[in-house]
Amino acid sequence: MGGEWSKHIGDTGEATVGRLLELIGWKPLLKNYDVPCALPDKHGNDKTGRHRRDHGLDGSLMYRCPLFDGTQQHVIVSVKYADSRYPTEGKLGTKFGEHYRALSQMCVCYQKSAQFGELTASDSDAERFPVFGALFWLTHNREDDAASICPSLVSTRPDAEPHIPVYLIDNSQAAFLYDAIALVQRNFGKQFAFNYQSTGKNLDSRNRRHHGDILPIHLINGPQIVFRVEDAGRLLVICSKNEFSESDFKRLCDLAQYLTLAWAHKVIIAFRTYDAMRDGHTVAKVMQMYSRNDGLKNVAVHSIEDDFRTKGPA
């Protein structure tokens, strides 16, 4: 029963992450395959002394990065899913270090694989081919959705391969991604795009994309996501992981002012929690400060966490 249950948990985790990856445009994903280990001694089992022959990848993705010119981005996906809650703080860093180390080793050996060589050769215009890791470390316990484990890992220094960026997506961030997209689809239709703002390194006008179906890995664990919705009348939708506050609302109004550039007819700013009865006066006061800005004439505020109490005028 133990082995069957463990397999069931693993299958559930892969299916859960698979649905999320579909929503953020990470497709087609190459799933469940091995790459030869290029450093069998270094990546071997320290306890048994066995050399490693290969690395099992949960998935890999390649796309032309819209945030950096001439960049073919590669992402190695690792899924860690558990039925129980995250380890206690004393053990949390150790477990994270194990996951981080394994994923960084996968990335290094993927860079030396024949598949990587074939993919890089397929794009003659690309000049850079970075490989990043995406660690989806999730649990089946909804109590873990409320707060991120990242602050508890700030001081963790995993014994991992250097120069390999690894992005951690925990329950809190996965819930935010899912709920933000659900808000957009529920209120404004199924067709949406992720907004790609200027980074100062995506200036090539021949290949510049301002929006698209893929959420770049650089944005996957950020505190906000920006969407464009054309079919609903040119909406700019900014979803924030934070609860409503006056300071955050002002900051996101500034961001909307920078991003609209007369493109959007309406701006939606959604917070994790927003109460129209309690917060509506603050919204009205702040909007008076922006009354001379034509790009912010039509702004509405929403709550990502939706129930009958959150309904009401912005």
C-alpha atoms as a PDB file:
ATOM      1  CA  MET A   1       0.000   0.000   0.000  1.00  0.00           C
ATOM      2  CA  GLY A   2       2.868   2.378   0.849  1.00  0.00           C
ATOM      3  CA  GLY A   3       4.424   2.152  -2.590  1.00  0.00           C
ATOM      4  CA  GLU A   4       1.080   2.548  -4.345  1.00  0.00           C
ATOM      5  CA  TRP A   5       0.180   5.548  -2.187  1.00  0.00           C
ATOM      6  CA  SER A   6       3.531   7.207  -2.855  1.00  0.00           C
ATOM      7  CA  LYS A   7       3.008   6.723  -6.587  1.00  0.00           C
ATOM      8  CA  HIS A   8      -0.504   8.165  -6.278  1.00  0.00           C
ATOM      9  CA  ILE A   9       0.871  11.248  -4.507  1.00  0.00           C
ATOM     10  CA  GLY A  10       3.534  11.661  -7.194  1.00  0.00           C
ATOM     11  CA  ASP A  11       0.984  11.314  -9.997  1.00  0.00           C
ATOM     12  CA  THR A  12      -1.281  13.834  -8.272  1.00  0.00           C
ATOM     13  CA  GLY A  13       1.603  16.290  -8.014  1.00  0.00           C
ATOM     14  CA  GLU A  14       2.516  15.963 -11.677  1.00  0.00           C
ATOM     15  CA  ALA A  15      -1.111  16.440 -12.726  1.00  0.00           C
ATOM     16  CA  THR A  16      -1.504  19.473 -10.437  1.00  0.00           C
ATOM     17  CA  VAL A  17       1.637  21.159 -11.744  1.00  0.00           C
ATOM     18  CA  GLY A  18       0.714  20.163 -15.308  1.00  0.00           C
ATOM     19  CA  ARG A  19      -2.556  22.091 -15.073  1.00  0.00           C
ATOM     20  CA  LEU A  20      -0.754  25.154 -13.752  1.00  0.00           C
ATOM     21  CA  LEU A  21       1.881  24.988 -16.497  1.00  0.00           C
ATOM     22  CA  GLU A  22      -0.880  24.880 -19.110  1.00  0.00           C
ATOM     23  CA  LEU A  23      -2.343  28.083 -17.667  1.00  0.00           C
ATOM     24  CA  ILE A  24       0.986  29.948 -17.822  1.00  0.00           C
ATOM     25  CA  GLY A  25       1.731  28.769 -21.351  1.00  0.00           C
ATOM     26  CA  TRP A  26       4.605  26.408 -20.561  1.00  0.00           C
ATOM     27  CA  LYS A  27       3.926  24.072 -23.464  1.00  0.00           C
ATOM     28  CA  PRO A  28       4.809  21.880 -25.166  1.00  0.00           C
ATOM     29  CA  LEU A  29       6.688  20.447 -22.201  1.00  0.00           C
ATOM     30  CA  LEU A  30       9.033  17.499 -22.707  1.00  0.00           C
ATOM     31  CA  LYS A  31       8.072  15.181 -19.844  1.00  0.00           C
ATOM     32  CA  ASN A  32       9.684  12.395 -17.837  1.00  0.00           C
ATOM     33  CA  TYR A  33      12.963  11.555 -19.538  1.00  0.00           C
ATOM     34  CA  ASP A  34      16.593  10.990 -18.596  1.00  0.00           C
ATOM     35  CA  VAL A  35      19.744  12.874 -19.527  1.00  0.00           C
ATOM     36  CA  PRO A  36      23.203  11.301 -19.069  1.00  0.00           C
ATOM     37  CA  CYS A  37      25.156  12.561 -16.090  1.00  0.00           C
ATOM     38  CA  ALA A  38      28.221  14.465 -17.284  1.00  0.00           C
ATOM     39  CA  LEU A  39      29.818  14.496 -13.812  1.00  0.00           C
ATOM     40  CA  PRO A  40      29.193  10.986 -12.431  1.00  0.00           C
ATOM     41  CA  ASP A  41      31.702  11.261  -9.580  1.00  0.00           C
ATOM     42  CA  LYS A  42      30.619  14.690  -8.390  1.00  0.00           C
ATOM     43  CA  HIS A  43      26.911  13.931  -8.711  1.00  0.00           C
ATOM     44  CA  GLY A  44      27.150  10.448  -7.230  1.00  0.00           C
ATOM     45  CA  ASN A  45      25.733   9.273  -3.932  1.00  0.00           C
ATOM     46  CA  ASP A  46      27.998  10.517  -1.143  1.00  0.00           C
ATOM     47  CA  LYS A  47      26.810   7.805   1.264  1.00  0.00           C
ATOM     48  CA  THR A  48      27.162   4.758  -0.974  1.00  0.00           C
ATOM     49  CA  GLY A  49      29.940   5.998  -3.245  1.00  0.00           C
ATOM     50  CA  ARG A  50      27.954   5.036  -6.326  1.00  0.00           C
ATOM     51  CA  HIS A  51      28.514   6.999  -9.501  1.00  0.00           C
ATOM     52  CA  ARG A  52      25.492   8.594 -11.085  1.00  0.00           C
ATOM     53  CA  ARG A  53      24.600   7.419 -14.581  1.00  0.00           C
ATOM     54  CA  ASP A  54      21.778   9.819 -15.440  1.00  0.00           C
ATOM     55  CA  HIS A  55      19.284  12.360 -14.141  1.00  0.00           C
ATOM     56  CA  GLY A  56      15.528  11.903 -14.359  1.00  0.00           C
ATOM     57  CA  LEU A  57      13.838  15.123 -15.495  1.00  0.00           C
ATOM     58  CA  ASP A  58      10.170  15.785 -14.719  1.00  0.00           C
ATOM     59  CA  GLY A  59      10.070  18.181 -17.652  1.00  0.00           C
ATOM     60  CA  SER A  60      11.920  20.732 -19.753  1.00  0.00           C
ATOM     61  CA  LEU A  61      10.850  23.767 -21.742  1.00  0.00           C
ATOM     62  CA  MET A  62      12.486  25.982 -24.333  1.00  0.00           C
ATOM     63  CA  TYR A  63      11.208  29.350 -25.603  1.00  0.00           C
ATOM     64  CA  ARG A  64      12.492  32.606 -27.076  1.00  0.00           C
ATOM     65  CA  CYS A  65      12.647  34.955 -24.100  1.00  0.00           C
ATOM     66  CA  PRO A  66      10.647  38.190 -24.617  1.00  0.00           C
ATOM     67  CA  LEU A  67      12.521  40.011 -21.835  1.00  0.00           C
ATOM     68  CA  PHE A  68      16.045  39.728 -23.279  1.00  0.00           C
ATOM     69  CA  ASP A  69      17.071  40.085 -26.904  1.00  0.00           C
ATOM     70  CA  GLY A  70      18.716  37.122 -28.610  1.00  0.00           C
ATOM     71  CA  THR A  71      17.959  34.733 -25.766  1.00  0.00           C
ATOM     72  CA  GLN A  72      16.734  31.159 -26.122  1.00  0.00           C
ATOM     73  CA  GLN A  73      15.590  30.287 -22.610  1.00  0.00           C
ATOM     74  CA  HIS A  74      15.698  26.720 -21.284  1.00  0.00           C
ATOM     75  CA  VAL A  75      13.847  25.665 -18.113  1.00  0.00           C
ATOM     76  CA  ILE A  76      14.211  22.380 -16.237  1.00  0.00           C
ATOM     77  CA  VAL A  77      11.093  21.579 -14.193  1.00  0.00           C
ATOM     78  CA  SER A  78      11.266  19.593 -10.955  1.00  0.00           C
ATOM     79  CA  VAL A  79       8.076  18.614  -9.096  1.00  0.00           C
ATOM     80  CA  LYS A  80       8.173  17.767  -5.386  1.00  0.00           C
ATOM     81  CA  TYR A  81       4.750  16.982  -3.958  1.00  0.00           C
ATOM     82  CA  ALA A  82       3.807  15.741  -0.492  1.00  0.00           C
ATOM     83  CA  ASP A  83       0.642  14.739   1.306  1.00  0.00           C
ATOM     84  CA  SER A  84       1.849  16.266   4.580  1.00  0.00           C
ATOM     85  CA  ARG A  85       2.711  19.873   5.387  1.00  0.00           C
ATOM     86  CA  TYR A  86       6.110  21.459   4.751  1.00  0.00           C
ATOM     87  CA  PRO A  87       8.846  20.422   7.192  1.00  0.00           C
ATOM     88  CA  THR A  88       9.248  22.440  10.359  1.00  0.00           C
ATOM     89  CA  GLU A  89      11.595  25.408  10.113  1.00  0.00           C
ATOM     90  CA  GLY A  90      14.544  23.472  11.507  1.00  0.00           C
ATOM     91  CA  LYS A  91      14.290  20.861   8.752  1.00  0.00           C
ATOM     92  CA  LEU A  92      12.890  23.094   6.008  1.00  0.00           C
ATOM     93  CA  GLY A  93      16.238  24.472   4.848  1.00  0.00           C
ATOM     94  CA  THR A  94      17.850  21.030   4.754  1.00  0.00           C
ATOM     95  CA  LYS A  95      15.087  19.590   2.589  1.00  0.00           C
ATOM     96  CA  PHE A  96      15.104  22.615   0.316  1.00  0.00           C
ATOM     97  CA  GLY A  97      18.865  22.276  -0.064  1.00  0.00           C
ATOM     98  CA  GLU A  98      18.451  18.670  -1.223  1.00  0.00           C
ATOM     99  CA  HIS A  99      15.855  19.653  -3.831  1.00  0.00           C
ATOM    100  CA  TYR A 100      17.896  22.671  -4.966  1.00  0.00           C
ATOM    101  CA  ARG A 101      21.087  20.660  -5.300  1.00  0.00           C
ATOM    102  CA  ALA A 102      19.446  17.888  -7.330  1.00  0.00           C
ATOM    103  CA  LEU A 103      17.804  20.369  -9.703  1.00  0.00           C
ATOM    104  CA  SER A 104      20.994  22.381 -10.214  1.00  0.00           C
ATOM    105  CA  GLN A 105      22.821  19.164 -11.117  1.00  0.00           C
ATOM    106  CA  MET A 106      20.105  18.327 -13.651  1.00  0.00           C
ATOM    107  CA  CYS A 107      20.569  21.749 -15.239  1.00  0.00           C
ATOM    108  CA  VAL A 108      24.340  21.354 -15.548  1.00  0.00           C
ATOM    109  CA  CYS A 109      24.073  17.940 -17.202  1.00  0.00           C
ATOM    110  CA  TYR A 110      21.221  19.072 -19.445  1.00  0.00           C
ATOM    111  CA  GLN A 111      23.539  21.807 -20.752  1.00  0.00           C
ATOM    112  CA  LYS A 112      25.962  19.079 -21.838  1.00  0.00           C
ATOM    113  CA  SER A 113      23.329  16.823 -23.435  1.00  0.00           C
ATOM    114  CA  ALA A 114      22.797  16.120 -27.117  1.00  0.00           C
ATOM    115  CA  GLN A 115      19.246  17.433 -26.856  1.00  0.00           C
ATOM    116  CA  PHE A 116      20.456  20.819 -25.636  1.00  0.00           C
ATOM    117  CA  GLY A 117      22.872  20.980 -28.567  1.00  0.00           C
ATOM    118  CA  GLU A 118      20.112  20.206 -31.055  1.00  0.00           C
ATOM    119  CA  LEU A 119      17.804  22.846 -29.635  1.00  0.00           C
ATOM    120  CA  THR A 120      20.428  25.589 -29.536  1.00  0.00           C
ATOM    121  CA  ALA A 121      21.377  24.840 -33.137  1.00  0.00           C
ATOM    122  CA  SER A 122      17.752  25.239 -34.209  1.00  0.00           C
ATOM    123  CA  ASP A 123      17.772  29.023 -33.640  1.00  0.00           C
ATOM    124  CA  SER A 124      20.491  30.733 -35.627  1.00  0.00           C
ATOM    125  CA  ASP A 125      19.484  34.185 -34.368  1.00  0.00           C
ATOM    126  CA  ALA A 126      19.903  33.385 -30.671  1.00  0.00           C
ATOM    127  CA  GLU A 127      23.126  34.378 -28.937  1.00  0.00           C
ATOM    128  CA  ARG A 128      22.491  33.260 -25.370  1.00  0.00           C
ATOM    129  CA  PHE A 129      21.138  29.928 -24.117  1.00  0.00           C
ATOM    130  CA  PRO A 130      20.667  30.111 -20.327  1.00  0.00           C
ATOM    131  CA  VAL A 131      19.339  27.119 -18.377  1.00  0.00           C
ATOM    132  CA  PHE A 132      17.275  27.832 -15.250  1.00  0.00           C
ATOM    133  CA  GLY A 133      15.572  25.490 -12.816  1.00  0.00           C
ATOM    134  CA  ALA A 134      11.920  25.730 -11.741  1.00  0.00           C
ATOM    135  CA  LEU A 135      11.288  23.905  -8.474  1.00  0.00           C
ATOM    136  CA  PHE A 136       7.590  23.323  -7.824  1.00  0.00           C
ATOM    137  CA  TRP A 137       7.694  22.276  -4.168  1.00  0.00           C
ATOM    138  CA  LEU A 138       4.055  21.814  -3.216  1.00  0.00           C
ATOM    139  CA  THR A 139       1.969  20.053  -0.593  1.00  0.00           C
ATOM    140  CA  HIS A 140      -1.586  18.745  -0.641  1.00  0.00           C
ATOM    141  CA  ASN A 141      -2.342  20.656   2.569  1.00  0.00           C
ATOM    142  CA  ARG A 142      -4.301  23.882   2.014  1.00  0.00           C
ATOM    143  CA  GLU A 143      -2.991  25.354   5.265  1.00  0.00           C
ATOM    144  CA  ASP A 144       0.335  25.805   3.456  1.00  0.00           C
ATOM    145  CA  ASP A 145      -1.291  28.119   0.888  1.00  0.00           C
ATOM    146  CA  ALA A 146      -1.545  31.084   3.249  1.00  0.00           C
ATOM    147  CA  ALA A 147       2.104  32.014   3.739  1.00  0.00           C
ATOM    148  CA  SER A 148       5.208  31.563   1.614  1.00  0.00           C
ATOM    149  CA  ILE A 149       8.081  29.448   2.887  1.00  0.00           C
ATOM    150  CA  CYS A 150      10.597  31.672   1.065  1.00  0.00           C
ATOM    151  CA  PRO A 151      11.291  34.053   3.995  1.00  0.00           C
ATOM    152  CA  SER A 152      12.338  31.043   6.075  1.00  0.00           C
ATOM    153  CA  LEU A 153      14.868  30.047   3.396  1.00  0.00           C
ATOM    154  CA  VAL A 154      16.673  33.384   3.005  1.00  0.00           C
ATOM    155  CA  SER A 155      19.710  32.254   4.989  1.00  0.00           C
ATOM    156  CA  THR A 156      19.859  28.782   3.385  1.00  0.00           C
ATOM    157  CA  ARG A 157      23.015  28.170   1.357  1.00  0.00           C
ATOM    158  CA  PRO A 158      22.560  24.900  -0.551  1.00  0.00           C
ATOM    159  CA  ASP A 159      25.618  22.901  -1.612  1.00  0.00           C
ATOM    160  CA  ALA A 160      24.648  23.147  -5.272  1.00  0.00           C
ATOM    161  CA  GLU A 161      26.086  23.825  -8.697  1.00  0.00           C
ATOM    162  CA  PRO A 162      27.078  27.516  -8.967  1.00  0.00           C
ATOM    163  CA  HIS A 163      25.683  29.925 -11.547  1.00  0.00           C
ATOM    164  CA  ILE A 164      22.417  27.988 -11.986  1.00  0.00           C
ATOM    165  CA  PRO A 165      19.387  30.127 -11.061  1.00  0.00           C
ATOM    166  CA  VAL A 166      16.597  28.097  -9.460  1.00  0.00           C
ATOM    167  CA  TYR A 167      13.124  29.591  -9.030  1.00  0.00           C
ATOM    168  CA  LEU A 168      11.034  28.212  -6.169  1.00  0.00           C
ATOM    169  CA  ILE A 169       7.261  27.990  -6.563  1.00  0.00           C
ATOM    170  CA  ASP A 170       5.662  27.001  -3.262  1.00  0.00           C
ATOM    171  CA  ASN A 171       1.981  26.572  -2.318  1.00  0.00           C
ATOM    172  CA  SER A 172       1.541  30.282  -1.721  1.00  0.00           C
ATOM    173  CA  GLN A 173       2.879  31.290  -5.128  1.00  0.00           C
ATOM    174  CA  ALA A 174       1.121  28.483  -6.997  1.00  0.00           C
ATOM    175  CA  ALA A 175      -2.176  29.517  -5.403  1.00  0.00           C
ATOM    176  CA  PHE A 176      -1.566  33.147  -6.397  1.00  0.00           C
ATOM    177  CA  LEU A 177      -0.799  32.233 -10.019  1.00  0.00           C
ATOM    178  CA  TYR A 178      -3.855  30.001 -10.274  1.00  0.00           C
ATOM    179  CA  ASP A 179      -6.218  32.451  -8.547  1.00  0.00           C
ATOM    180  CA  ALA A 180      -5.018  35.472 -10.546  1.00  0.00           C
ATOM    181  CA  ILE A 181      -5.584  33.701 -13.851  1.00  0.00           C
ATOM    182  CA  ALA A 182      -8.960  32.405 -12.606  1.00  0.00           C
ATOM    183  CA  LEU A 183      -9.970  35.997 -11.779  1.00  0.00           C
ATOM    184  CA  VAL A 184      -9.122  37.160 -15.297  1.00  0.00           C
ATOM    185  CA  GLN A 185     -10.903  34.255 -16.959  1.00  0.00           C
ATOM    186  CA  ARG A 186     -13.961  34.512 -14.705  1.00  0.00           C
ATOM    187  CA  ASN A 187     -14.477  38.239 -15.214  1.00  0.00           C
ATOM    188  CA  PHE A 188     -13.008  39.078 -18.605  1.00  0.00           C
ATOM    189  CA  GLY A 189     -12.977  35.901 -20.714  1.00  0.00           C
ATOM    190  CA  LYS A 190     -10.690  33.002 -21.450  1.00  0.00           C
ATOM    191  CA  GLN A 191      -8.459  34.861 -23.899  1.00  0.00           C
ATOM    192  CA  PHE A 192      -5.707  36.813 -22.168  1.00  0.00           C
ATOM    193  CA  ALA A 193      -1.997  37.536 -22.583  1.00  0.00           C
ATOM    194  CA  PHE A 194       0.845  38.164 -20.168  1.00  0.00           C
ATOM    195  CA  ASN A 195       2.323  41.653 -20.418  1.00  0.00           C
ATOM    196  CA  TYR A 196       6.051  41.945 -21.188  1.00  0.00           C
ATOM    197  CA  GLN A 197       7.345  45.284 -20.030  1.00  0.00           C
ATOM    198  CA  SER A 198      10.605  46.840 -21.123  1.00  0.00           C
ATOM    199  CA  THR A 199      13.664  45.592 -19.263  1.00  0.00           C
ATOM    200  CA  GLY A 200      16.161  47.782 -21.087  1.00  0.00           C
ATOM    201  CA  LYS A 201      17.495  44.571 -22.633  1.00  0.00           C
ATOM    202  CA  ASN A 202      14.621  43.804 -25.029  1.00  0.00           C
ATOM    203  CA  LEU A 203      14.999  46.785 -27.329  1.00  0.00           C
ATOM    204  CA  ASP A 204      15.299  45.014 -30.707  1.00  0.00           C
ATOM    205  CA  SER A 205      12.259  46.394 -32.557  1.00  0.00           C
ATOM    206  CA  ARG A 206      12.369  43.544 -35.093  1.00  0.00           C
ATOM    207  CA  ASN A 207      11.635  40.933 -32.421  1.00  0.00           C
ATOM    208  CA  ARG A 208      10.098  42.995 -29.610  1.00  0.00           C
ATOM    209  CA  ARG A 209       6.969  41.416 -28.137  1.00  0.00           C
ATOM    210  CA  HIS A 210       4.833  43.400 -25.729  1.00  0.00           C
ATOM    211  CA  HIS A 211       2.628  40.491 -24.675  1.00  0.00           C
ATOM    212  CA  GLY A 212       2.236  36.766 -25.237  1.00  0.00           C
ATOM    213  CA  ASP A 213       0.960  33.392 -24.041  1.00  0.00           C
ATOM    214  CA  ILE A 214       4.038  32.413 -22.003  1.00  0.00           C
ATOM    215  CA  LEU A 215       4.768  33.687 -18.508  1.00  0.00           C
ATOM    216  CA  PRO A 216       8.591  33.951 -18.516  1.00  0.00           C
ATOM    217  CA  ILE A 217      10.340  32.169 -15.676  1.00  0.00           C
ATOM    218  CA  HIS A 218      11.809  35.520 -14.586  1.00  0.00           C
ATOM    219  CA  LEU A 219       8.273  36.583 -13.580  1.00  0.00           C
ATOM    220  CA  ILE A 220       6.928  33.335 -12.151  1.00  0.00           C
ATOM    221  CA  ASN A 221       7.572  33.983  -8.474  1.00  0.00           C
ATOM    222  CA  GLY A 222       7.015  37.732  -8.403  1.00  0.00           C
ATOM    223  CA  PRO A 223       4.437  39.491  -6.184  1.00  0.00           C
ATOM    224  CA  GLN A 224       2.373  40.675  -9.144  1.00  0.00           C
ATOM    225  CA  ILE A 225       1.312  39.585 -12.632  1.00  0.00           C
ATOM    226  CA  VAL A 226       0.225  41.909 -15.427  1.00  0.00           C
ATOM    227  CA  PHE A 227      -2.260  40.775 -18.072  1.00  0.00           C
ATOM    228  CA  ARG A 228      -3.637  42.224 -21.269  1.00  0.00           C
ATOM    229  CA  VAL A 229      -7.182  41.372 -22.341  1.00  0.00           C
ATOM    230  CA  GLU A 230      -8.060  42.495 -25.866  1.00  0.00           C
ATOM    231  CA  ASP A 231     -11.504  40.924 -26.313  1.00  0.00           C
ATOM    232  CA  ALA A 232     -12.996  42.633 -23.260  1.00  0.00           C
ATOM    233  CA  GLY A 233     -12.177  46.117 -24.557  1.00  0.00           C
ATOM    234  CA  ARG A 234      -8.411  46.538 -24.143  1.00  0.00           C
ATOM    235  CA  LEU A 235      -7.989  45.952 -20.434  1.00  0.00           C
ATOM    236  CA  LEU A 236      -4.794  46.123 -18.439  1.00  0.00           C
ATOM    237  CA  VAL A 237      -5.147  43.845 -15.394  1.00  0.00           C
ATOM    238  CA  ILE A 238      -2.616  43.987 -12.561  1.00  0.00           C
ATOM    239  CA  CYS A 239      -2.943  41.242  -9.946  1.00  0.00           C
ATOM    240  CA  SER A 240      -1.106  41.661  -6.650  1.00  0.00           C
ATOM    241  CA  LYS A 241      -0.311  38.948  -4.134  1.00  0.00           C
ATOM    242  CA  ASN A 242      -0.629  41.485  -1.317  1.00  0.00           C
ATOM    243  CA  GLU A 243      -3.685  42.543   0.618  1.00  0.00           C
ATOM    244  CA  PHE A 244      -5.064  45.979  -0.220  1.00  0.00           C
ATOM    245  CA  SER A 245      -3.222  48.954   1.235  1.00  0.00           C
ATOM    246  CA  GLU A 246      -3.069  52.594   0.233  1.00  0.00           C
ATOM    247  CA  SER A 247       0.681  52.503  -0.390  1.00  0.00           C
ATOM    248  CA  ASP A 248       0.453  49.417  -2.603  1.00  0.00           C
ATOM    249  CA  PHE A 249      -2.479  50.895  -4.509  1.00  0.00           C
ATOM    250  CA  LYS A 250      -0.488  54.059  -5.252  1.00  0.00           C
ATOM    251  CA  ARG A 251       2.488  51.975  -6.357  1.00  0.00           C
ATOM    252  CA  LEU A 252       0.348  49.917  -8.740  1.00  0.00           C
ATOM    253  CA  CYS A 253      -1.318  53.042 -10.099  1.00  0.00           C
ATOM    254  CA  ASP A 254       2.160  54.337 -10.940  1.00  0.00           C
ATOM    255  CA  LEU A 255       2.934  51.018 -12.626  1.00  0.00           C
ATOM    256  CA  ALA A 256      -0.328  51.146 -14.598  1.00  0.00           C
ATOM    257  CA  GLN A 257       0.436  54.709 -15.654  1.00  0.00           C
ATOM    258  CA  TYR A 258       3.816  53.541 -16.960  1.00  0.00           C
ATOM    259  CA  LEU A 259       2.432  50.473 -18.729  1.00  0.00           C
ATOM    260  CA  THR A 260      -0.740  51.767 -20.390  1.00  0.00           C
ATOM    261  CA  LEU A 261       0.858  54.330 -22.716  1.00  0.00           C
ATOM    262  CA  ALA A 262      -2.647  55.172 -23.978  1.00  0.00           C
ATOM    263  CA  TRP A 263      -3.172  51.522 -24.989  1.00  0.00           C
ATOM    264  CA  ALA A 264      -5.668  50.412 -22.330  1.00  0.00           C
ATOM    265  CA  HIS A 265      -9.234  51.700 -22.184  1.00  0.00           C
ATOM    266  CA  LYS A 266      -9.595  50.422 -18.632  1.00  0.00           C
ATOM    267  CA  VAL A 267      -7.280  49.384 -15.801  1.00  0.00           C
ATOM    268  CA  ILE A 268      -8.154  46.652 -13.308  1.00  0.00           C
ATOM    269  CA  ILE A 269      -6.073  46.382 -10.138  1.00  0.00           C
ATOM    270  CA  ALA A 270      -6.762  43.238  -8.103  1.00  0.00           C
ATOM    271  CA  PHE A 271      -5.416  42.556  -4.632  1.00  0.00           C
ATOM    272  CA  ARG A 272      -5.378  39.261  -2.778  1.00  0.00           C
ATOM    273  CA  THR A 273      -8.048  40.783  -0.536  1.00  0.00           C
ATOM    274  CA  TYR A 274     -10.026  43.969  -1.131  1.00  0.00           C
ATOM    275  CA  ASP A 275     -13.225  45.053   0.642  1.00  0.00           C
ATOM    276  CA  ALA A 276     -15.194  47.708  -1.248  1.00  0.00           C
ATOM    277  CA  MET A 277     -17.065  48.818   1.895  1.00  0.00           C
ATOM    278  CA  ARG A 278     -13.933  49.331   4.001  1.00  0.00           C
ATOM    279  CA  ASP A 279     -11.425  50.302   1.292  1.00  0.00           C
ATOM    280  CA  GLY A 280     -13.570  52.155  -1.262  1.00  0.00           C
ATOM    281  CA  HIS A 281     -13.002  55.576   0.335  1.00  0.00           C
ATOM    282  CA  THR A 282      -9.223  55.120   0.135  1.00  0.00           C
ATOM    283  CA  VAL A 283      -9.493  54.153  -3.537  1.00  0.00           C
ATOM    284  CA  ALA A 284     -11.574  57.259  -4.311  1.00  0.00           C
ATOM    285  CA  LYS A 285      -9.104  59.497  -2.469  1.00  0.00           C
ATOM    286  CA  VAL A 286      -6.099  58.078  -4.330  1.00  0.00           C
ATOM    287  CA  MET A 287      -7.854  58.330  -7.691  1.00  0.00           C
ATOM    288  CA  GLN A 288      -8.350  62.065  -7.091  1.00  0.00           C
ATOM    289  CA  MET A 289      -4.555  62.343  -6.959  1.00  0.00           C
ATOM    290  CA  TYR A 290      -4.394  60.811 -10.453  1.00  0.00           C
ATOM    291  CA  SER A 291      -7.366  62.712 -11.876  1.00  0.00           C
ATOM    292  CA  ARG A 292      -5.223  64.655 -14.348  1.00  0.00           C
ATOM    293  CA  ASN A 293      -3.789  61.478 -15.871  1.00  0.00           C
ATOM    294  CA  ASP A 294      -5.770  60.385 -18.924  1.00  0.00           C
ATOM    295  CA  GLY A 295      -4.409  56.841 -18.736  1.00  0.00           C
ATOM    296  CA  LEU A 296      -5.995  56.327 -15.316  1.00  0.00           C
ATOM    297  CA  LYS A 297      -9.445  57.785 -15.933  1.00  0.00           C
ATOM    298  CA  ASN A 298     -11.093  54.372 -15.785  1.00  0.00           C
ATOM    299  CA  VAL A 299      -9.736  52.248 -12.916  1.00  0.00           C
ATOM    300  CA  ALA A 300     -11.536  49.517 -10.988  1.00  0.00           C
ATOM    301  CA  VAL A 301     -10.337  47.545  -7.988  1.00  0.00           C
ATOM    302  CA  HIS A 302     -11.131  43.854  -7.464  1.00  0.00           C
ATOM    303  CA  SER A 303     -10.485  41.165  -4.885  1.00  0.00           C
ATOM    304  CA  ILE A 304      -8.782  37.972  -6.035  1.00  0.00           C
ATOM    305  CA  GLU A 305     -10.317  36.111  -3.102  1.00  0.00           C
ATOM    306  CA  ASP A 306     -13.933  36.300  -4.188  1.00  0.00           C
ATOM    307  CA  ASP A 307     -17.088  35.999  -2.103  1.00  0.00           C
ATOM    308  CA  PHE A 308     -20.410  37.837  -1.906  1.00  0.00           C
ATOM    309  CA  ARG A 309     -18.991  40.471   0.452  1.00  0.00           C
ATOM    310  CA  THR A 310     -16.307  41.619  -1.993  1.00  0.00           C
ATOM    311  CA  LYS A 311     -18.860  42.720  -4.573  1.00  0.00           C
ATOM    312  CA  GLY A 312     -19.469  46.399  -4.793  1.00  0.00           C
ATOM    313  CA  PRO A 313     -18.296  49.578  -6.498  1.00  0.00           C
ATOM    314  CA  ALA A 314     -14.560  50.216  -6.639  1.00  0.00           C
END
